[in-house]
Amino acid sequence: MISALLRSRRFPAQALLAFAALLAVQPAVRAQYGAPPPTQVHDPSALRPPAGARVAIVEFDDMECPDCARANPLLMEASAKYHIPWVRHDFPLPFHSWSFQAAVNARWFDTKSKAIGDEYRNAVFANQPSITSLDDLRQFTEKWAAEHKLQLPFAIDPEGHLAALVKADYALGQRIGIEHTPTIWVVTRQSKGAPFIEVVDRTRLFQLIDQAIADTGGK
C-alpha cells in the first residue's frame, strides 16, 4: 500500500510514512463480512450527537470496503428519512491500496463544502467496483471534480493537513475500539434508553432510530 501511494504525485511521502508508523502499532482491523460481534467500546466520548441534535448516526468507514459501500445507501436513506445528522469518520484499513487517499480527497472536497465532500464519498461508494488502483481513483476524482466545476490542484494536500485529519479519525476509532468497517451506531442525548447502540443487524436500523427518537422525546 505505502509503496504504491508513494508513487502517486498527489500525496506527500512524509504523511504516508507517519500513517504507516501509526498502523504498525495498532491492532489488526478488518472489513466486515457477515454480522460481527458488538464492538467493545473503550472510549465512548465520541458516541454522541452533534450539538443541537438528540439523535444521530455515527459511522466509521473505509471507502474501499465493499460492505461500507453496501451500507451507504441505507445510511443515506435513514438520514434523509429522519432528518438526523450522519456523522462520518474515516477509518481506512491498512490492506486497502487506495482508501487512505480517497479519504484525503474527500477532505479536500469538504473544504469547498461539507455537502460536496459527502457527495464525493457517496459517488466513490457507488462506483467502488470500477476503482481498483490509485490511478483509477485519480482519474475518477478528476472527472468527478470537473463535472462539479471544480479544479483539483496538482497536489491535493502538500503540507499533510488533510492527511492529519484522516489519521486523527483513525486514531479516534482505535481509542473507541473499532475492529471492523463499517461500524455504525445510533447515538442519543438526554435519553431514557441507551446513550448509544451499535447497528449490528442493519435490517433493524430504522427500528433503532424510531426507538431512539421515542426515548429522547424528539430528534
N, C-alpha and C. Protein backbone atom coordinates (compact mmCIF):
# COMPACT_ATOMS: atom_id res chain seq x y z
N MET A 1 0.82 -1.20 0.00
CA MET A 1 0.00 0.00 0.00
C MET A 1 0.86 1.25 0.00
N ILE A 2 1.85 1.33 0.93
CA ILE A 2 2.63 2.54 1.08
C ILE A 2 3.46 2.82 -0.17
N SER A 3 4.10 1.76 -0.72
CA SER A 3 4.94 1.98 -1.89
C SER A 3 4.10 2.47 -3.07
N ALA A 4 2.89 1.93 -3.20
CA ALA A 4 2.03 2.38 -4.28
C ALA A 4 1.64 3.84 -4.10
N LEU A 5 1.33 4.21 -2.86
CA LEU A 5 0.95 5.60 -2.60
C LEU A 5 2.10 6.56 -2.82
N LEU A 6 3.32 6.12 -2.49
CA LEU A 6 4.48 6.98 -2.68
C LEU A 6 4.69 7.32 -4.15
N ARG A 7 4.25 6.41 -5.04
CA ARG A 7 4.40 6.68 -6.46
C ARG A 7 3.38 7.70 -6.96
N SER A 8 2.34 7.97 -6.14
CA SER A 8 1.36 8.97 -6.53
C SER A 8 1.91 10.36 -6.25
N ARG A 9 1.88 11.22 -7.23
CA ARG A 9 2.43 12.56 -7.06
C ARG A 9 1.53 13.43 -6.19
N ARG A 10 0.35 12.98 -5.88
CA ARG A 10 -0.60 13.83 -5.18
C ARG A 10 -0.55 13.63 -3.68
N PHE A 11 0.29 12.75 -3.18
CA PHE A 11 0.26 12.50 -1.74
C PHE A 11 1.65 12.62 -1.17
N PRO A 12 1.86 13.43 -0.10
CA PRO A 12 3.20 13.65 0.44
C PRO A 12 3.75 12.41 1.13
N ALA A 13 5.01 12.07 0.83
CA ALA A 13 5.62 10.87 1.39
C ALA A 13 5.68 10.93 2.90
N GLN A 14 5.93 12.10 3.46
CA GLN A 14 6.07 12.22 4.91
C GLN A 14 4.80 11.77 5.61
N ALA A 15 3.65 12.20 5.09
CA ALA A 15 2.38 11.83 5.71
C ALA A 15 2.15 10.34 5.63
N LEU A 16 2.50 9.73 4.50
CA LEU A 16 2.31 8.29 4.34
C LEU A 16 3.16 7.50 5.32
N LEU A 17 4.41 7.92 5.50
CA LEU A 17 5.28 7.20 6.41
C LEU A 17 4.77 7.32 7.84
N ALA A 18 4.23 8.49 8.19
CA ALA A 18 3.67 8.66 9.53
C ALA A 18 2.47 7.76 9.73
N PHE A 19 1.62 7.66 8.68
CA PHE A 19 0.45 6.79 8.79
C PHE A 19 0.87 5.32 8.90
N ALA A 20 1.92 4.95 8.16
CA ALA A 20 2.42 3.58 8.25
C ALA A 20 2.91 3.27 9.66
N ALA A 21 3.56 4.24 10.28
CA ALA A 21 4.03 4.03 11.65
C ALA A 21 2.87 3.87 12.60
N LEU A 22 1.81 4.65 12.38
CA LEU A 22 0.63 4.52 13.22
C LEU A 22 0.01 3.14 13.08
N LEU A 23 -0.12 2.65 11.85
CA LEU A 23 -0.71 1.33 11.62
C LEU A 23 0.12 0.23 12.25
N ALA A 24 1.44 0.41 12.27
CA ALA A 24 2.32 -0.65 12.77
C ALA A 24 2.08 -0.97 14.23
N VAL A 25 1.60 0.00 14.98
CA VAL A 25 1.42 -0.23 16.41
C VAL A 25 -0.04 -0.46 16.78
N GLN A 26 -0.94 -0.55 15.80
CA GLN A 26 -2.34 -0.71 16.10
C GLN A 26 -2.76 -2.17 15.89
N PRO A 27 -3.81 -2.61 16.61
CA PRO A 27 -4.34 -3.96 16.40
C PRO A 27 -4.90 -4.11 14.99
N ALA A 28 -4.95 -5.34 14.52
CA ALA A 28 -5.48 -5.61 13.19
C ALA A 28 -6.97 -5.29 13.15
N VAL A 29 -7.41 -4.72 12.04
CA VAL A 29 -8.83 -4.47 11.83
C VAL A 29 -9.19 -5.06 10.48
N ARG A 30 -10.49 -5.17 10.22
CA ARG A 30 -10.90 -5.87 9.02
C ARG A 30 -12.17 -5.27 8.45
N ALA A 31 -12.38 -5.54 7.18
CA ALA A 31 -13.66 -5.21 6.59
C ALA A 31 -14.68 -6.22 7.11
N GLN A 32 -15.90 -5.77 7.22
CA GLN A 32 -16.92 -6.61 7.81
C GLN A 32 -17.43 -7.65 6.81
N TYR A 33 -17.48 -8.89 7.23
CA TYR A 33 -18.07 -9.97 6.44
C TYR A 33 -19.03 -10.72 7.35
N GLY A 34 -20.32 -10.61 7.08
CA GLY A 34 -21.29 -11.20 7.98
C GLY A 34 -21.47 -10.32 9.21
N ALA A 35 -22.38 -10.72 10.09
CA ALA A 35 -22.66 -9.93 11.29
C ALA A 35 -21.54 -10.12 12.30
N PRO A 36 -20.87 -9.04 12.70
CA PRO A 36 -19.77 -9.15 13.66
C PRO A 36 -20.31 -9.12 15.08
N PRO A 37 -19.50 -9.50 16.05
CA PRO A 37 -19.90 -9.30 17.44
C PRO A 37 -19.92 -7.80 17.75
N PRO A 38 -20.70 -7.38 18.75
CA PRO A 38 -20.72 -5.95 19.10
C PRO A 38 -19.33 -5.46 19.48
N THR A 39 -19.06 -4.22 19.14
CA THR A 39 -17.78 -3.60 19.46
C THR A 39 -17.66 -3.38 20.97
N GLN A 40 -16.52 -3.74 21.53
CA GLN A 40 -16.23 -3.45 22.93
C GLN A 40 -15.75 -2.00 23.01
N VAL A 41 -16.63 -1.11 23.43
CA VAL A 41 -16.33 0.32 23.43
C VAL A 41 -15.45 0.66 24.64
N HIS A 42 -14.26 1.18 24.35
CA HIS A 42 -13.34 1.58 25.41
C HIS A 42 -13.47 3.06 25.76
N ASP A 43 -13.74 3.89 24.74
CA ASP A 43 -13.87 5.33 24.95
C ASP A 43 -15.13 5.80 24.24
N PRO A 44 -16.23 6.04 24.97
CA PRO A 44 -17.49 6.41 24.33
C PRO A 44 -17.66 7.91 24.10
N SER A 45 -16.62 8.69 24.33
CA SER A 45 -16.78 10.15 24.31
C SER A 45 -17.25 10.67 22.95
N ALA A 46 -16.92 9.99 21.86
CA ALA A 46 -17.33 10.46 20.53
C ALA A 46 -18.70 9.94 20.12
N LEU A 47 -19.28 9.07 20.92
CA LEU A 47 -20.55 8.44 20.55
C LEU A 47 -21.72 9.24 21.12
N ARG A 48 -21.89 10.43 20.56
CA ARG A 48 -22.98 11.32 20.96
C ARG A 48 -23.33 12.19 19.77
N PRO A 49 -24.55 12.71 19.75
CA PRO A 49 -24.95 13.53 18.61
C PRO A 49 -24.22 14.88 18.60
N PRO A 50 -24.17 15.52 17.43
CA PRO A 50 -23.63 16.89 17.38
C PRO A 50 -24.49 17.83 18.21
N ALA A 51 -23.93 18.98 18.54
CA ALA A 51 -24.67 19.99 19.29
C ALA A 51 -25.99 20.31 18.60
N GLY A 52 -27.06 20.36 19.37
CA GLY A 52 -28.37 20.71 18.84
C GLY A 52 -29.19 19.52 18.37
N ALA A 53 -28.62 18.33 18.35
CA ALA A 53 -29.34 17.13 17.92
C ALA A 53 -29.49 16.16 19.10
N ARG A 54 -30.60 15.46 19.13
CA ARG A 54 -30.81 14.46 20.18
C ARG A 54 -30.50 13.04 19.70
N VAL A 55 -30.61 12.85 18.39
CA VAL A 55 -30.36 11.52 17.81
C VAL A 55 -29.48 11.72 16.58
N ALA A 56 -28.54 10.81 16.37
CA ALA A 56 -27.68 10.87 15.18
C ALA A 56 -27.19 9.47 14.85
N ILE A 57 -26.68 9.35 13.64
CA ILE A 57 -25.97 8.14 13.21
C ILE A 57 -24.48 8.47 13.24
N VAL A 58 -23.68 7.61 13.83
CA VAL A 58 -22.23 7.75 13.81
C VAL A 58 -21.65 6.53 13.10
N GLU A 59 -20.81 6.78 12.10
CA GLU A 59 -20.24 5.69 11.30
C GLU A 59 -18.73 5.86 11.17
N PHE A 60 -18.02 4.75 11.25
CA PHE A 60 -16.60 4.68 10.88
C PHE A 60 -16.52 3.79 9.64
N ASP A 61 -15.98 4.34 8.56
CA ASP A 61 -15.98 3.57 7.31
C ASP A 61 -14.64 3.68 6.58
N ASP A 62 -14.49 2.80 5.62
CA ASP A 62 -13.34 2.73 4.72
C ASP A 62 -13.91 2.78 3.32
N MET A 63 -13.44 3.71 2.51
CA MET A 63 -14.07 3.94 1.21
C MET A 63 -13.78 2.85 0.19
N GLU A 64 -12.87 1.93 0.53
CA GLU A 64 -12.58 0.80 -0.35
C GLU A 64 -13.27 -0.48 0.15
N CYS A 65 -13.94 -0.40 1.28
CA CYS A 65 -14.58 -1.57 1.90
C CYS A 65 -15.90 -1.89 1.20
N PRO A 66 -16.06 -3.09 0.64
CA PRO A 66 -17.31 -3.41 -0.07
C PRO A 66 -18.54 -3.35 0.82
N ASP A 67 -18.42 -3.76 2.07
CA ASP A 67 -19.60 -3.73 2.94
C ASP A 67 -19.97 -2.29 3.31
N CYS A 68 -18.98 -1.42 3.39
CA CYS A 68 -19.29 0.00 3.58
C CYS A 68 -20.09 0.54 2.40
N ALA A 69 -19.72 0.11 1.20
CA ALA A 69 -20.46 0.54 0.01
C ALA A 69 -21.88 0.00 0.04
N ARG A 70 -22.06 -1.23 0.53
CA ARG A 70 -23.42 -1.78 0.62
C ARG A 70 -24.25 -1.03 1.66
N ALA A 71 -23.61 -0.61 2.75
CA ALA A 71 -24.34 0.09 3.82
C ALA A 71 -24.67 1.53 3.45
N ASN A 72 -23.89 2.13 2.57
CA ASN A 72 -24.02 3.57 2.33
C ASN A 72 -25.41 4.02 1.87
N PRO A 73 -26.05 3.34 0.91
CA PRO A 73 -27.39 3.80 0.50
C PRO A 73 -28.40 3.75 1.64
N LEU A 74 -28.30 2.75 2.51
CA LEU A 74 -29.22 2.65 3.64
C LEU A 74 -29.02 3.81 4.61
N LEU A 75 -27.76 4.17 4.87
CA LEU A 75 -27.49 5.28 5.78
C LEU A 75 -27.94 6.61 5.17
N MET A 76 -27.75 6.76 3.87
CA MET A 76 -28.26 7.95 3.18
C MET A 76 -29.78 8.04 3.34
N GLU A 77 -30.46 6.91 3.13
CA GLU A 77 -31.92 6.89 3.25
C GLU A 77 -32.36 7.22 4.67
N ALA A 78 -31.69 6.64 5.66
CA ALA A 78 -32.08 6.86 7.06
C ALA A 78 -31.89 8.31 7.46
N SER A 79 -30.76 8.89 7.08
CA SER A 79 -30.50 10.28 7.44
C SER A 79 -31.53 11.22 6.81
N ALA A 80 -31.89 10.93 5.54
CA ALA A 80 -32.87 11.77 4.85
C ALA A 80 -34.28 11.56 5.41
N LYS A 81 -34.63 10.32 5.69
CA LYS A 81 -35.98 10.00 6.18
C LYS A 81 -36.25 10.63 7.53
N TYR A 82 -35.25 10.54 8.42
CA TYR A 82 -35.47 11.01 9.80
C TYR A 82 -34.93 12.42 10.04
N HIS A 83 -34.25 12.98 9.05
CA HIS A 83 -33.67 14.32 9.20
C HIS A 83 -32.78 14.41 10.44
N ILE A 84 -31.91 13.43 10.57
CA ILE A 84 -30.96 13.40 11.69
C ILE A 84 -29.54 13.46 11.14
N PRO A 85 -28.60 13.98 11.92
CA PRO A 85 -27.21 14.03 11.45
C PRO A 85 -26.63 12.64 11.23
N TRP A 86 -25.74 12.59 10.25
CA TRP A 86 -24.97 11.37 9.95
C TRP A 86 -23.51 11.77 10.06
N VAL A 87 -22.89 11.38 11.14
CA VAL A 87 -21.51 11.77 11.43
C VAL A 87 -20.59 10.68 10.88
N ARG A 88 -19.81 11.03 9.87
CA ARG A 88 -18.98 10.05 9.17
C ARG A 88 -17.52 10.24 9.56
N HIS A 89 -16.89 9.15 9.97
CA HIS A 89 -15.48 9.17 10.35
C HIS A 89 -14.69 8.27 9.40
N ASP A 90 -13.47 8.70 9.09
CA ASP A 90 -12.58 7.92 8.23
C ASP A 90 -11.89 6.83 9.04
N PHE A 91 -11.90 5.62 8.49
CA PHE A 91 -11.16 4.51 9.11
C PHE A 91 -10.57 3.64 8.00
N PRO A 92 -9.60 4.18 7.25
CA PRO A 92 -9.03 3.43 6.12
C PRO A 92 -8.21 2.23 6.61
N LEU A 93 -8.54 1.07 6.10
CA LEU A 93 -7.87 -0.15 6.55
C LEU A 93 -6.51 -0.30 5.87
N PRO A 94 -5.52 -0.82 6.60
CA PRO A 94 -4.14 -0.82 6.09
C PRO A 94 -3.93 -1.69 4.86
N PHE A 95 -4.80 -2.69 4.64
CA PHE A 95 -4.59 -3.58 3.50
C PHE A 95 -5.31 -3.10 2.24
N HIS A 96 -5.95 -1.96 2.30
CA HIS A 96 -6.60 -1.39 1.12
C HIS A 96 -5.68 -0.36 0.47
N SER A 97 -5.51 -0.47 -0.84
CA SER A 97 -4.45 0.30 -1.51
C SER A 97 -4.79 1.75 -1.76
N TRP A 98 -6.09 2.11 -1.86
CA TRP A 98 -6.42 3.48 -2.21
C TRP A 98 -7.36 4.17 -1.24
N SER A 99 -7.79 3.49 -0.18
CA SER A 99 -8.80 4.08 0.70
C SER A 99 -8.29 5.30 1.45
N PHE A 100 -7.01 5.30 1.85
CA PHE A 100 -6.49 6.46 2.56
C PHE A 100 -6.49 7.69 1.66
N GLN A 101 -6.03 7.53 0.43
CA GLN A 101 -6.03 8.67 -0.50
C GLN A 101 -7.45 9.13 -0.79
N ALA A 102 -8.40 8.21 -0.89
CA ALA A 102 -9.79 8.61 -1.12
C ALA A 102 -10.30 9.46 0.03
N ALA A 103 -9.93 9.09 1.25
CA ALA A 103 -10.35 9.87 2.41
C ALA A 103 -9.74 11.26 2.38
N VAL A 104 -8.47 11.36 1.98
CA VAL A 104 -7.83 12.67 1.84
C VAL A 104 -8.53 13.50 0.77
N ASN A 105 -8.85 12.86 -0.36
CA ASN A 105 -9.58 13.57 -1.41
C ASN A 105 -10.90 14.13 -0.89
N ALA A 106 -11.63 13.29 -0.14
CA ALA A 106 -12.93 13.73 0.40
C ALA A 106 -12.75 14.92 1.32
N ARG A 107 -11.66 14.92 2.09
CA ARG A 107 -11.40 16.06 2.98
C ARG A 107 -11.13 17.33 2.15
N TRP A 108 -10.50 17.17 0.99
CA TRP A 108 -10.29 18.35 0.13
C TRP A 108 -11.64 18.89 -0.35
N PHE A 109 -12.53 18.00 -0.77
CA PHE A 109 -13.85 18.45 -1.20
C PHE A 109 -14.62 19.07 -0.04
N ASP A 110 -14.39 18.57 1.19
CA ASP A 110 -15.01 19.19 2.37
C ASP A 110 -14.65 20.66 2.50
N THR A 111 -13.44 21.03 2.04
CA THR A 111 -13.04 22.43 2.15
C THR A 111 -13.86 23.33 1.23
N LYS A 112 -14.49 22.74 0.23
CA LYS A 112 -15.40 23.51 -0.63
C LYS A 112 -16.78 23.60 0.02
N SER A 113 -17.26 22.49 0.52
CA SER A 113 -18.45 22.44 1.38
C SER A 113 -18.58 21.00 1.88
N LYS A 114 -19.17 20.86 3.08
CA LYS A 114 -19.34 19.51 3.62
C LYS A 114 -20.28 18.70 2.72
N ALA A 115 -21.27 19.38 2.12
CA ALA A 115 -22.19 18.68 1.23
C ALA A 115 -21.45 18.12 0.02
N ILE A 116 -20.51 18.88 -0.54
CA ILE A 116 -19.74 18.40 -1.68
C ILE A 116 -18.86 17.23 -1.26
N GLY A 117 -18.23 17.33 -0.09
CA GLY A 117 -17.40 16.23 0.39
C GLY A 117 -18.19 14.95 0.55
N ASP A 118 -19.40 15.05 1.12
CA ASP A 118 -20.21 13.85 1.31
C ASP A 118 -20.73 13.32 -0.02
N GLU A 119 -21.01 14.22 -0.95
CA GLU A 119 -21.44 13.76 -2.28
C GLU A 119 -20.32 12.97 -2.96
N TYR A 120 -19.09 13.44 -2.78
CA TYR A 120 -17.95 12.70 -3.34
C TYR A 120 -17.83 11.33 -2.68
N ARG A 121 -17.97 11.26 -1.37
CA ARG A 121 -17.90 9.96 -0.68
C ARG A 121 -18.96 9.01 -1.23
N ASN A 122 -20.18 9.51 -1.37
CA ASN A 122 -21.27 8.67 -1.90
C ASN A 122 -20.96 8.21 -3.31
N ALA A 123 -20.37 9.09 -4.12
CA ALA A 123 -20.04 8.72 -5.50
C ALA A 123 -18.95 7.65 -5.54
N VAL A 124 -17.96 7.76 -4.66
CA VAL A 124 -16.91 6.74 -4.61
C VAL A 124 -17.52 5.39 -4.24
N PHE A 125 -18.37 5.38 -3.23
CA PHE A 125 -19.00 4.12 -2.85
C PHE A 125 -19.83 3.54 -4.00
N ALA A 126 -20.57 4.39 -4.70
CA ALA A 126 -21.41 3.92 -5.80
C ALA A 126 -20.58 3.36 -6.95
N ASN A 127 -19.38 3.89 -7.14
CA ASN A 127 -18.52 3.47 -8.25
C ASN A 127 -17.35 2.60 -7.80
N GLN A 128 -17.41 2.13 -6.58
CA GLN A 128 -16.29 1.39 -5.99
C GLN A 128 -15.80 0.22 -6.85
N PRO A 129 -16.68 -0.58 -7.48
CA PRO A 129 -16.17 -1.72 -8.26
C PRO A 129 -15.25 -1.33 -9.41
N SER A 130 -15.40 -0.11 -9.93
CA SER A 130 -14.58 0.31 -11.07
C SER A 130 -13.28 0.98 -10.64
N ILE A 131 -13.08 1.15 -9.33
CA ILE A 131 -11.86 1.78 -8.82
C ILE A 131 -10.99 0.68 -8.21
N THR A 132 -9.94 0.32 -8.91
CA THR A 132 -9.11 -0.80 -8.46
C THR A 132 -7.69 -0.40 -8.12
N SER A 133 -7.36 0.87 -8.30
CA SER A 133 -5.98 1.32 -8.07
C SER A 133 -5.97 2.81 -7.78
N LEU A 134 -4.81 3.30 -7.38
CA LEU A 134 -4.66 4.74 -7.17
C LEU A 134 -4.86 5.51 -8.47
N ASP A 135 -4.41 4.96 -9.58
CA ASP A 135 -4.60 5.63 -10.86
C ASP A 135 -6.09 5.73 -11.20
N ASP A 136 -6.83 4.63 -10.97
CA ASP A 136 -8.28 4.67 -11.20
C ASP A 136 -8.92 5.74 -10.32
N LEU A 137 -8.51 5.79 -9.06
CA LEU A 137 -9.07 6.77 -8.14
C LEU A 137 -8.78 8.18 -8.62
N ARG A 138 -7.55 8.43 -9.05
CA ARG A 138 -7.18 9.76 -9.52
C ARG A 138 -8.02 10.17 -10.73
N GLN A 139 -8.18 9.24 -11.69
CA GLN A 139 -8.96 9.55 -12.88
C GLN A 139 -10.43 9.79 -12.52
N PHE A 140 -10.97 8.96 -11.63
CA PHE A 140 -12.35 9.14 -11.20
C PHE A 140 -12.53 10.49 -10.51
N THR A 141 -11.59 10.84 -9.63
CA THR A 141 -11.70 12.07 -8.85
C THR A 141 -11.59 13.30 -9.74
N GLU A 142 -10.66 13.27 -10.69
CA GLU A 142 -10.52 14.41 -11.61
C GLU A 142 -11.79 14.59 -12.45
N LYS A 143 -12.34 13.49 -12.92
CA LYS A 143 -13.57 13.56 -13.73
C LYS A 143 -14.74 14.07 -12.88
N TRP A 144 -14.84 13.55 -11.65
CA TRP A 144 -15.93 13.95 -10.78
C TRP A 144 -15.82 15.45 -10.44
N ALA A 145 -14.61 15.90 -10.16
CA ALA A 145 -14.40 17.31 -9.85
C ALA A 145 -14.78 18.19 -11.05
N ALA A 146 -14.36 17.78 -12.24
CA ALA A 146 -14.68 18.57 -13.44
C ALA A 146 -16.19 18.65 -13.66
N GLU A 147 -16.89 17.55 -13.41
CA GLU A 147 -18.35 17.55 -13.55
C GLU A 147 -19.02 18.50 -12.57
N HIS A 148 -18.33 18.77 -11.45
CA HIS A 148 -18.87 19.68 -10.44
C HIS A 148 -18.20 21.05 -10.51
N LYS A 149 -17.54 21.29 -11.67
CA LYS A 149 -16.91 22.60 -11.94
C LYS A 149 -15.88 22.98 -10.88
N LEU A 150 -15.11 21.99 -10.48
CA LEU A 150 -14.02 22.19 -9.52
C LEU A 150 -12.71 21.76 -10.17
N GLN A 151 -11.66 22.48 -9.90
CA GLN A 151 -10.34 22.17 -10.44
C GLN A 151 -9.47 21.61 -9.33
N LEU A 152 -9.10 20.34 -9.45
CA LEU A 152 -8.21 19.75 -8.46
C LEU A 152 -6.82 20.37 -8.58
N PRO A 153 -6.18 20.68 -7.48
CA PRO A 153 -4.80 21.15 -7.55
C PRO A 153 -3.87 20.00 -7.91
N PHE A 154 -2.66 20.33 -8.37
CA PHE A 154 -1.70 19.28 -8.71
C PHE A 154 -1.40 18.42 -7.48
N ALA A 155 -1.22 19.06 -6.34
CA ALA A 155 -1.02 18.35 -5.07
C ALA A 155 -2.20 18.69 -4.17
N ILE A 156 -2.99 17.69 -3.84
CA ILE A 156 -4.20 17.93 -3.06
C ILE A 156 -3.87 18.35 -1.63
N ASP A 157 -2.84 17.77 -1.08
CA ASP A 157 -2.55 18.01 0.34
C ASP A 157 -1.04 18.15 0.55
N PRO A 158 -0.44 19.20 0.00
CA PRO A 158 1.03 19.29 0.01
C PRO A 158 1.65 19.34 1.40
N GLU A 159 0.95 19.90 2.38
CA GLU A 159 1.51 20.02 3.72
C GLU A 159 1.00 18.96 4.68
N GLY A 160 0.13 18.07 4.20
CA GLY A 160 -0.33 16.96 5.02
C GLY A 160 -1.41 17.29 6.03
N HIS A 161 -2.04 18.46 5.91
CA HIS A 161 -3.06 18.83 6.88
C HIS A 161 -4.30 17.93 6.77
N LEU A 162 -4.69 17.61 5.55
CA LEU A 162 -5.88 16.76 5.36
C LEU A 162 -5.58 15.34 5.79
N ALA A 163 -4.38 14.86 5.49
CA ALA A 163 -3.98 13.53 5.94
C ALA A 163 -4.01 13.45 7.46
N ALA A 164 -3.64 14.53 8.13
CA ALA A 164 -3.66 14.54 9.59
C ALA A 164 -5.08 14.37 10.13
N LEU A 165 -6.05 14.96 9.43
CA LEU A 165 -7.44 14.80 9.85
C LEU A 165 -7.89 13.34 9.70
N VAL A 166 -7.50 12.70 8.61
CA VAL A 166 -7.85 11.30 8.40
C VAL A 166 -7.21 10.43 9.48
N LYS A 167 -5.94 10.68 9.76
CA LYS A 167 -5.24 9.90 10.79
C LYS A 167 -5.84 10.14 12.17
N ALA A 168 -6.31 11.35 12.42
CA ALA A 168 -6.96 11.63 13.71
C ALA A 168 -8.24 10.82 13.86
N ASP A 169 -9.02 10.70 12.77
CA ASP A 169 -10.22 9.86 12.81
C ASP A 169 -9.85 8.40 13.06
N TYR A 170 -8.81 7.94 12.39
CA TYR A 170 -8.36 6.55 12.57
C TYR A 170 -7.97 6.31 14.03
N ALA A 171 -7.23 7.25 14.60
CA ALA A 171 -6.80 7.12 16.00
C ALA A 171 -8.01 7.14 16.94
N LEU A 172 -9.00 7.99 16.62
CA LEU A 172 -10.22 8.02 17.42
C LEU A 172 -10.92 6.66 17.38
N GLY A 173 -11.02 6.08 16.19
CA GLY A 173 -11.63 4.76 16.07
C GLY A 173 -10.90 3.72 16.90
N GLN A 174 -9.58 3.78 16.90
CA GLN A 174 -8.80 2.83 17.70
C GLN A 174 -9.07 3.03 19.19
N ARG A 175 -9.20 4.29 19.63
CA ARG A 175 -9.50 4.54 21.04
C ARG A 175 -10.87 3.99 21.43
N ILE A 176 -11.82 4.12 20.51
CA ILE A 176 -13.16 3.59 20.78
C ILE A 176 -13.13 2.07 20.85
N GLY A 177 -12.36 1.45 19.96
CA GLY A 177 -12.27 0.00 19.91
C GLY A 177 -12.75 -0.61 18.61
N ILE A 178 -12.71 0.17 17.53
CA ILE A 178 -13.17 -0.32 16.22
C ILE A 178 -12.35 -1.53 15.80
N GLU A 179 -13.05 -2.55 15.32
CA GLU A 179 -12.39 -3.76 14.83
C GLU A 179 -12.84 -4.14 13.43
N HIS A 180 -13.78 -3.43 12.86
CA HIS A 180 -14.25 -3.75 11.52
C HIS A 180 -14.90 -2.52 10.90
N THR A 181 -15.02 -2.54 9.59
CA THR A 181 -15.77 -1.49 8.89
C THR A 181 -16.89 -2.14 8.07
N PRO A 182 -18.04 -1.49 7.95
CA PRO A 182 -18.36 -0.28 8.70
C PRO A 182 -18.74 -0.61 10.14
N THR A 183 -18.50 0.32 11.04
CA THR A 183 -19.05 0.24 12.38
C THR A 183 -20.00 1.42 12.53
N ILE A 184 -21.23 1.12 12.91
CA ILE A 184 -22.31 2.11 12.88
C ILE A 184 -23.03 2.10 14.23
N TRP A 185 -23.30 3.29 14.74
CA TRP A 185 -24.10 3.42 15.96
C TRP A 185 -25.24 4.39 15.74
N VAL A 186 -26.34 4.17 16.45
CA VAL A 186 -27.36 5.19 16.67
C VAL A 186 -27.07 5.76 18.04
N VAL A 187 -26.84 7.07 18.11
CA VAL A 187 -26.44 7.71 19.36
C VAL A 187 -27.49 8.72 19.78
N THR A 188 -27.61 8.92 21.09
CA THR A 188 -28.65 9.79 21.62
C THR A 188 -28.08 10.73 22.69
N ARG A 189 -28.84 11.78 22.96
CA ARG A 189 -28.53 12.71 24.04
C ARG A 189 -29.78 12.85 24.93
N GLN A 190 -29.58 12.88 26.23
CA GLN A 190 -30.68 13.02 27.18
C GLN A 190 -31.76 11.97 26.91
N SER A 191 -31.32 10.73 26.88
CA SER A 191 -32.20 9.63 26.50
C SER A 191 -32.62 8.82 27.72
N LYS A 192 -33.85 8.31 27.67
CA LYS A 192 -34.30 7.35 28.69
C LYS A 192 -33.69 5.98 28.44
N GLY A 193 -33.20 5.75 27.22
CA GLY A 193 -32.62 4.47 26.88
C GLY A 193 -31.10 4.53 26.87
N ALA A 194 -30.48 3.62 26.10
CA ALA A 194 -29.02 3.58 26.00
C ALA A 194 -28.51 4.81 25.27
N PRO A 195 -27.39 5.40 25.71
CA PRO A 195 -26.87 6.58 25.01
C PRO A 195 -26.35 6.27 23.62
N PHE A 196 -25.99 5.02 23.37
CA PHE A 196 -25.60 4.61 22.02
C PHE A 196 -25.84 3.12 21.88
N ILE A 197 -26.17 2.71 20.67
CA ILE A 197 -26.35 1.28 20.39
C ILE A 197 -25.79 0.98 19.01
N GLU A 198 -24.97 -0.05 18.93
CA GLU A 198 -24.36 -0.40 17.65
C GLU A 198 -25.37 -1.09 16.74
N VAL A 199 -25.31 -0.74 15.46
CA VAL A 199 -26.20 -1.34 14.47
C VAL A 199 -25.50 -2.57 13.92
N VAL A 200 -25.64 -3.68 14.59
CA VAL A 200 -25.02 -4.93 14.15
C VAL A 200 -25.84 -5.55 13.03
N ASP A 201 -27.16 -5.51 13.18
CA ASP A 201 -28.08 -6.01 12.15
C ASP A 201 -28.69 -4.79 11.45
N ARG A 202 -28.25 -4.49 10.24
CA ARG A 202 -28.71 -3.27 9.58
C ARG A 202 -30.17 -3.30 9.20
N THR A 203 -30.80 -4.48 9.18
CA THR A 203 -32.24 -4.52 8.90
C THR A 203 -33.03 -3.87 10.04
N ARG A 204 -32.38 -3.67 11.19
CA ARG A 204 -33.05 -3.06 12.33
C ARG A 204 -32.73 -1.57 12.47
N LEU A 205 -32.05 -0.98 11.49
CA LEU A 205 -31.62 0.41 11.63
C LEU A 205 -32.80 1.35 11.89
N PHE A 206 -33.83 1.27 11.07
CA PHE A 206 -34.96 2.19 11.24
C PHE A 206 -35.65 1.96 12.59
N GLN A 207 -35.76 0.71 12.99
CA GLN A 207 -36.37 0.39 14.28
C GLN A 207 -35.56 1.02 15.42
N LEU A 208 -34.24 0.95 15.33
CA LEU A 208 -33.39 1.51 16.36
C LEU A 208 -33.51 3.04 16.40
N ILE A 209 -33.62 3.66 15.23
CA ILE A 209 -33.79 5.11 15.19
C ILE A 209 -35.15 5.50 15.77
N ASP A 210 -36.19 4.76 15.41
CA ASP A 210 -37.51 5.04 15.97
C ASP A 210 -37.47 4.99 17.50
N GLN A 211 -36.82 3.97 18.04
CA GLN A 211 -36.73 3.82 19.49
C GLN A 211 -35.93 4.96 20.11
N ALA A 212 -34.83 5.33 19.45
CA ALA A 212 -34.01 6.43 19.96
C ALA A 212 -34.78 7.74 19.99
N ILE A 213 -35.57 8.00 18.96
CA ILE A 213 -36.38 9.22 18.91
C ILE A 213 -37.43 9.20 20.03
N ALA A 214 -38.06 8.04 20.23
CA ALA A 214 -39.04 7.91 21.31
C ALA A 214 -38.38 8.11 22.67
N ASP A 215 -37.18 7.58 22.85
CA ASP A 215 -36.50 7.67 24.15
C ASP A 215 -36.03 9.10 24.47
N THR A 216 -35.83 9.90 23.43
CA THR A 216 -35.35 11.26 23.66
C THR A 216 -36.46 12.30 23.57
N GLY A 217 -37.63 11.88 23.16
CA GLY A 217 -38.73 12.83 23.03
C GLY A 217 -38.62 13.71 21.80
N GLY A 218 -37.77 13.32 20.86
CA GLY A 218 -37.61 14.11 19.64
C GLY A 218 -36.30 13.81 18.97
N LYS A 219 -35.96 14.57 17.94
CA LYS A 219 -34.75 14.35 17.17
C LYS A 219 -33.63 15.25 17.69
